Protein backbone atom coordinates (compact mmCIF):
# COMPACT_ATOMS: atom_id res chain seq x y z
CA MET A 1 79.19 107.54 44.96
CA GLU A 2 79.78 104.17 43.74
CA THR A 3 83.31 102.74 43.07
CA GLN A 4 84.29 99.42 41.46
CA ASN A 5 87.21 97.31 41.47
CA SER A 6 87.16 95.81 38.21
CA LYS A 7 89.67 92.88 39.13
CA THR A 8 87.56 91.57 41.96
CA GLU A 9 84.08 92.89 40.78
CA ILE A 10 83.34 94.61 44.21
CA THR A 11 81.35 97.68 44.33
CA TYR A 12 81.01 100.16 47.29
CA ARG A 13 78.00 102.33 47.92
CA ARG A 14 76.02 103.83 50.47
CA MET A 15 73.89 101.39 52.60
CA LEU A 16 70.15 101.79 52.09
CA GLU A 17 67.13 100.69 54.16
CA SER A 18 66.71 97.76 51.67
CA ASP A 19 69.82 96.40 52.49
CA HIS A 20 68.86 95.51 56.05
CA PRO A 21 67.87 92.07 55.61
CA ALA A 22 71.11 91.34 53.69
CA ALA A 23 73.28 92.94 56.51
CA TYR A 24 71.16 90.98 59.08
CA GLN A 25 72.20 87.71 57.05
CA LEU A 26 75.84 88.87 57.06
CA SER A 27 75.86 89.00 60.94
CA GLN A 28 74.36 85.88 61.33
CA ALA A 29 77.12 84.45 59.25
CA VAL A 30 79.61 85.57 61.46
CA ARG A 31 77.49 84.67 64.84
CA TRP A 32 76.88 88.32 65.87
CA PRO A 33 73.45 88.51 67.91
CA HIS A 34 71.94 91.38 66.06
CA ARG A 35 68.31 90.87 65.00
CA LEU A 36 66.97 92.66 61.90
CA GLU A 37 65.41 95.58 64.28
CA ASP A 38 68.90 96.18 65.86
CA TRP A 39 70.34 97.02 62.31
CA GLN A 40 67.16 99.09 61.33
CA PHE A 41 67.87 101.32 64.64
CA LEU A 42 71.61 101.45 64.22
CA HIS A 43 71.32 102.48 60.71
CA ARG A 44 68.55 105.06 61.43
CA VAL A 45 70.68 106.71 63.81
CA GLY A 46 73.79 106.79 61.70
CA SER A 47 74.89 106.16 58.47
CA GLY A 48 76.72 103.34 56.48
CA PHE A 49 78.14 101.68 53.46
CA VAL A 50 77.95 98.33 51.60
CA ALA A 51 80.36 96.20 49.65
CA GLU A 52 78.83 94.28 46.86
CA ARG A 53 79.94 91.49 44.57
CA ASN A 54 77.58 90.75 41.52
CA GLY A 55 74.92 92.77 43.35
CA GLN A 56 75.04 90.65 46.39
CA PRO A 57 75.99 92.42 49.82
CA ILE A 58 79.38 90.90 51.06
CA GLY A 59 80.13 93.61 53.50
CA THR A 60 78.87 96.35 55.99
CA ALA A 61 80.33 99.29 58.04
CA LEU A 62 78.40 101.94 59.90
CA CYS A 63 79.51 105.00 61.72
CA TRP A 64 77.78 107.58 64.18
CA SER A 65 78.51 111.23 64.82
CA HIS A 66 78.35 112.63 68.30
CA GLY A 67 78.49 116.51 67.64
CA ASP A 68 81.22 118.13 65.80
CA ASP A 69 84.40 116.68 67.57
CA TYR A 70 83.56 113.01 67.93
CA GLY A 71 82.27 110.02 66.18
CA SER A 72 82.29 106.20 66.45
CA LEU A 73 81.97 103.58 64.14
CA GLY A 74 81.04 99.61 63.86
CA MET A 75 79.15 96.68 62.38
CA VAL A 76 82.38 96.18 60.16
CA ILE A 77 81.23 93.08 58.86
CA VAL A 78 82.87 90.99 55.90
CA SER A 79 81.34 87.71 54.76
CA PRO A 80 83.46 84.77 55.53
CA GLU A 81 84.08 83.65 52.02
CA ALA A 82 85.48 87.26 51.02
CA GLN A 83 87.59 87.93 53.82
CA GLY A 84 91.20 88.63 52.94
CA ASN A 85 90.57 90.81 49.82
CA GLY A 86 90.85 94.33 51.59
CA ILE A 87 87.36 94.88 51.82
CA GLY A 88 87.20 95.58 55.56
CA GLY A 89 89.89 98.38 54.71
CA GLU A 90 88.12 99.88 51.98
CA LEU A 91 84.93 100.11 53.98
CA MET A 92 86.85 101.79 56.96
CA ASN A 93 88.23 104.23 54.62
CA ARG A 94 85.05 105.39 53.63
CA LEU A 95 83.48 105.56 57.20
CA LEU A 96 86.83 107.78 58.27
CA VAL A 97 86.18 110.18 55.39
CA GLU A 98 82.35 110.18 56.15
CA LEU A 99 83.28 111.09 59.91
CA GLY A 100 85.95 113.85 58.60
CA GLU A 101 88.33 115.23 61.38
CA ARG A 102 86.21 113.83 64.38
CA ASN A 103 87.97 111.88 66.95
CA THR A 104 86.94 108.42 66.23
CA LEU A 105 86.19 105.51 68.69
CA LEU A 106 85.51 101.96 68.18
CA CYS A 107 85.36 98.57 70.02
CA ALA A 108 87.83 96.27 68.27
CA THR A 109 87.61 91.92 67.91
CA PRO A 110 90.95 90.26 67.97
CA ALA A 111 90.63 90.17 64.23
CA GLY A 112 90.03 93.59 63.25
CA GLN A 113 92.51 95.21 65.85
CA PRO A 114 95.66 94.96 63.54
CA LEU A 115 93.78 96.69 60.72
CA TYR A 116 92.57 99.21 63.09
CA GLU A 117 96.06 99.74 64.42
CA ARG A 118 97.27 100.25 60.60
CA LEU A 119 94.43 103.14 59.93
CA GLY A 120 95.94 104.99 63.22
CA PHE A 121 93.85 103.58 66.03
CA LYS A 122 95.39 103.14 69.40
CA ALA A 123 93.93 101.09 72.50
CA ILE A 124 92.92 102.94 75.35
CA GLY A 125 90.75 100.30 77.45
CA ARG A 126 88.18 97.44 77.19
CA ILE A 127 84.88 96.37 77.53
CA HIS A 128 83.49 93.62 79.40
CA GLN A 129 80.55 91.88 77.83
CA HIS A 130 78.35 90.14 80.44
CA GLN A 131 75.18 88.11 79.72
CA GLY A 132 73.18 85.47 80.91
CA THR A 133 69.65 84.66 82.41
CA ILE A 134 68.72 85.67 85.86
CA VAL A 135 66.26 83.52 87.36
CA GLN A 136 66.25 85.06 90.88
CA PRO A 137 67.46 88.59 90.72
CA GLU A 138 69.51 90.43 93.56
CA VAL A 139 67.68 93.40 94.80
CA VAL A 140 70.00 96.50 95.61
CA ALA A 141 68.33 99.33 97.10
CA PRO A 142 69.28 102.67 96.23
CA PRO A 143 70.82 105.25 98.75
CA ALA A 144 68.67 106.47 101.74
CA GLY A 145 66.50 109.32 100.48
CA GLU A 146 66.74 108.34 96.71
CA SER A 147 64.13 106.50 94.83
CA ILE A 148 63.66 104.73 91.44
CA ARG A 149 61.19 106.09 89.01
CA PRO A 150 60.25 105.72 85.34
CA ILE A 151 61.98 108.50 83.15
CA GLU A 152 59.55 111.42 82.22
CA SER A 153 59.50 113.44 79.25
CA ASP A 154 60.59 116.42 81.38
CA ASP A 155 63.81 114.41 82.38
CA CYS A 156 65.40 114.50 79.10
CA PRO A 157 67.45 117.70 78.76
CA ARG A 158 68.72 116.72 82.33
CA LEU A 159 69.60 113.18 81.23
CA ALA A 160 71.32 114.58 78.15
CA GLU A 161 73.61 116.65 80.52
CA LEU A 162 74.33 113.75 82.74
CA ALA A 163 75.39 111.59 79.77
CA ALA A 164 77.73 114.24 77.87
CA ARG A 165 79.27 114.46 81.63
CA ALA A 166 79.73 110.98 81.79
CA CYS A 167 81.01 110.16 78.25
CA GLY A 168 82.83 113.63 77.55
CA MET A 169 80.95 113.99 74.41
CA PRO A 170 77.53 115.20 73.27
CA ARG A 171 74.82 112.56 73.53
CA ALA A 172 71.47 114.15 73.08
CA THR A 173 70.64 113.01 69.65
CA LEU A 174 71.67 109.44 70.41
CA LEU A 175 69.75 109.62 73.88
CA ASN A 176 66.69 110.94 72.16
CA SER A 177 66.61 107.97 69.60
CA LEU A 178 67.54 105.39 72.31
CA LEU A 179 64.68 106.54 74.57
CA ASN A 180 62.12 105.64 71.90
CA VAL A 181 62.96 102.17 72.00
CA SER A 182 63.91 101.82 75.57
CA GLU A 183 62.53 101.19 79.24
CA GLY A 184 64.28 104.07 81.14
CA ILE A 185 64.78 104.94 85.04
CA VAL A 186 66.14 107.55 86.74
CA LEU A 187 67.38 107.73 90.37
CA ASP A 188 65.67 110.90 91.96
CA ASN A 189 66.99 112.49 95.13
CA ASP A 190 64.25 115.14 95.79
CA GLY A 191 63.95 116.46 92.07
CA GLU A 192 67.56 116.02 91.52
CA LEU A 193 68.74 113.33 89.27
CA THR A 194 71.77 111.08 90.60
CA GLY A 195 71.93 108.83 87.44
CA PHE A 196 69.85 106.90 85.03
CA ALA A 197 69.49 103.63 82.87
CA LEU A 198 67.98 102.15 79.91
CA MET A 199 67.10 98.66 78.58
CA ARG A 200 65.86 97.72 75.38
CA ARG A 201 65.20 94.73 73.30
CA PHE A 202 68.31 93.42 71.67
CA GLY A 203 69.73 89.93 70.02
CA ARG A 204 68.55 87.04 72.05
CA GLY A 205 66.74 89.11 74.84
CA TYR A 206 67.51 92.40 76.24
CA VAL A 207 70.43 94.94 76.71
CA ILE A 208 71.02 97.18 79.54
CA GLY A 209 72.84 100.42 78.96
CA PRO A 210 73.63 103.23 78.95
CA VAL A 211 74.01 103.42 82.70
CA VAL A 212 75.08 106.82 84.37
CA ALA A 213 75.47 107.29 87.79
CA LEU A 214 77.53 108.92 90.56
CA ASP A 215 78.85 105.76 91.82
CA ALA A 216 78.93 101.96 91.63
CA ASP A 217 76.17 101.57 94.24
CA ARG A 218 73.86 103.74 92.44
CA ALA A 219 74.29 101.76 89.11
CA LYS A 220 74.05 98.52 91.03
CA ALA A 221 70.52 99.68 92.13
CA MET A 222 69.26 100.46 88.70
CA ILE A 223 70.81 97.52 87.05
CA SER A 224 69.06 95.09 89.40
CA TYR A 225 65.82 96.85 89.23
CA LEU A 226 65.86 96.48 85.53
CA ILE A 227 66.83 92.96 85.74
CA GLY A 228 63.81 92.51 87.51
CA LEU A 229 61.86 93.63 84.91
CA CYS A 230 62.98 90.88 82.64
CA VAL A 231 63.30 87.64 84.96
CA ASP A 232 63.66 84.49 83.03
CA SER A 233 65.12 86.43 79.80
CA PHE A 234 68.31 86.69 78.08
CA VAL A 235 69.95 89.99 79.20
CA ARG A 236 73.53 91.65 78.02
CA ILE A 237 75.20 94.16 79.38
CA ASP A 238 78.73 96.08 78.25
CA VAL A 239 80.72 97.59 80.79
CA PRO A 240 83.85 99.49 80.71
CA ASP A 241 86.93 97.86 82.25
CA SER A 242 87.21 100.66 84.69
CA CYS A 243 83.87 100.78 85.99
CA GLU A 244 84.26 97.88 89.03
CA LEU A 245 80.97 95.98 88.06
CA SER A 246 82.52 93.01 86.28
CA PRO A 247 83.04 91.12 89.56
CA TRP A 248 79.35 91.93 90.93
CA LEU A 249 77.92 91.11 87.36
CA ASN A 250 79.61 87.56 87.43
CA GLU A 251 78.35 86.80 90.96
CA ILE A 252 74.62 87.56 90.12
CA GLY A 253 74.71 84.99 86.77
CA LEU A 254 75.58 87.88 84.22
CA VAL A 255 79.00 86.32 83.18
CA GLN A 256 81.59 87.80 81.36
CA VAL A 257 82.05 86.10 77.79
CA ASP A 258 84.21 88.59 76.00
CA THR A 259 86.69 91.57 76.29
CA PRO A 260 86.83 93.72 73.16
CA VAL A 261 89.47 96.50 72.84
CA VAL A 262 88.19 100.01 72.92
CA MET A 263 90.48 102.10 70.41
CA VAL A 264 90.56 105.73 69.47
CA ARG A 265 92.02 107.80 66.41
CA GLY A 266 92.59 111.15 67.71
CA GLU A 267 92.01 112.12 71.00
CA PRO A 268 89.72 110.34 73.62
CA PRO A 269 87.03 112.05 74.91
CA HIS A 270 87.58 113.78 78.41
CA ALA A 271 84.78 112.83 80.77
CA ASP A 272 83.90 114.37 83.94
CA PRO A 273 84.71 112.05 87.05
CA SER A 274 82.07 113.15 89.40
CA MET A 275 79.59 111.57 86.82
CA ARG A 276 80.53 107.87 85.21
CA GLN A 277 79.16 105.58 82.61
CA PHE A 278 78.77 102.17 84.02
CA ALA A 279 77.53 100.53 80.82
CA VAL A 280 77.70 101.72 77.23
CA SER A 281 74.56 102.18 75.19
CA GLY A 282 76.21 99.13 72.86
CA GLN A 283 79.81 98.50 71.88
CA ALA A 284 79.40 100.23 68.35
CA ILE A 285 77.63 103.49 69.38
CA GLY A 286 79.31 103.73 72.69
């Protein structure tokens, strides 16, 4: 349902596919790296809203459901010349209504964090954003008896199980969508999967994530393998601050450039400590 603020002539409505080019231009205006194709993917796996002034989009916001109990939101962007008019807060309210009673996660920029705190979000951690171009990648071997191989169709149920354990919330729907646009590998120990990792086109090059594994050494083996597939290309990987990979990523040339705050409204997901997430699918979708 459309609503309008007559004083500022700002209209809010659901995002349509036809809004993707304007959304891309908004993200370019605030120097976010998303391509048009990235917007198309993020909207396709979720839902969103647009703020308009005189028919021109000046704000965006997207959200994603992860089962009945969890959700996430992101891509909350307001055109620089329209900021300070409460547009971000109005878009956020619509996302929260869309997600209902779900516990909701987001990654906050310093500019956005005060707004989110007013809406009941609290900080629970940080994401370390690493990026760079690797000319001569380091090769990290998997543990003895384990091998890296491409993901096969029969692996999908097991991947969804591993992802849910590592994240503490259902991931099958999102994972299936990611598999359609990603290059994926698993760590195989005589038929038993001990981890998996995906890489897809994003922004200036490629993004690696999610990466799910039993431990950091296995995660490093899969990450180094994927980096080897895109030598001389720009690579980004977003890792939780608790995953212990940041020093290694800096050493191999993927330099830490940002540390957005992870926030939750409600209860955070309870992950299984025996299976860990070493890189997220993306800061917005988790």
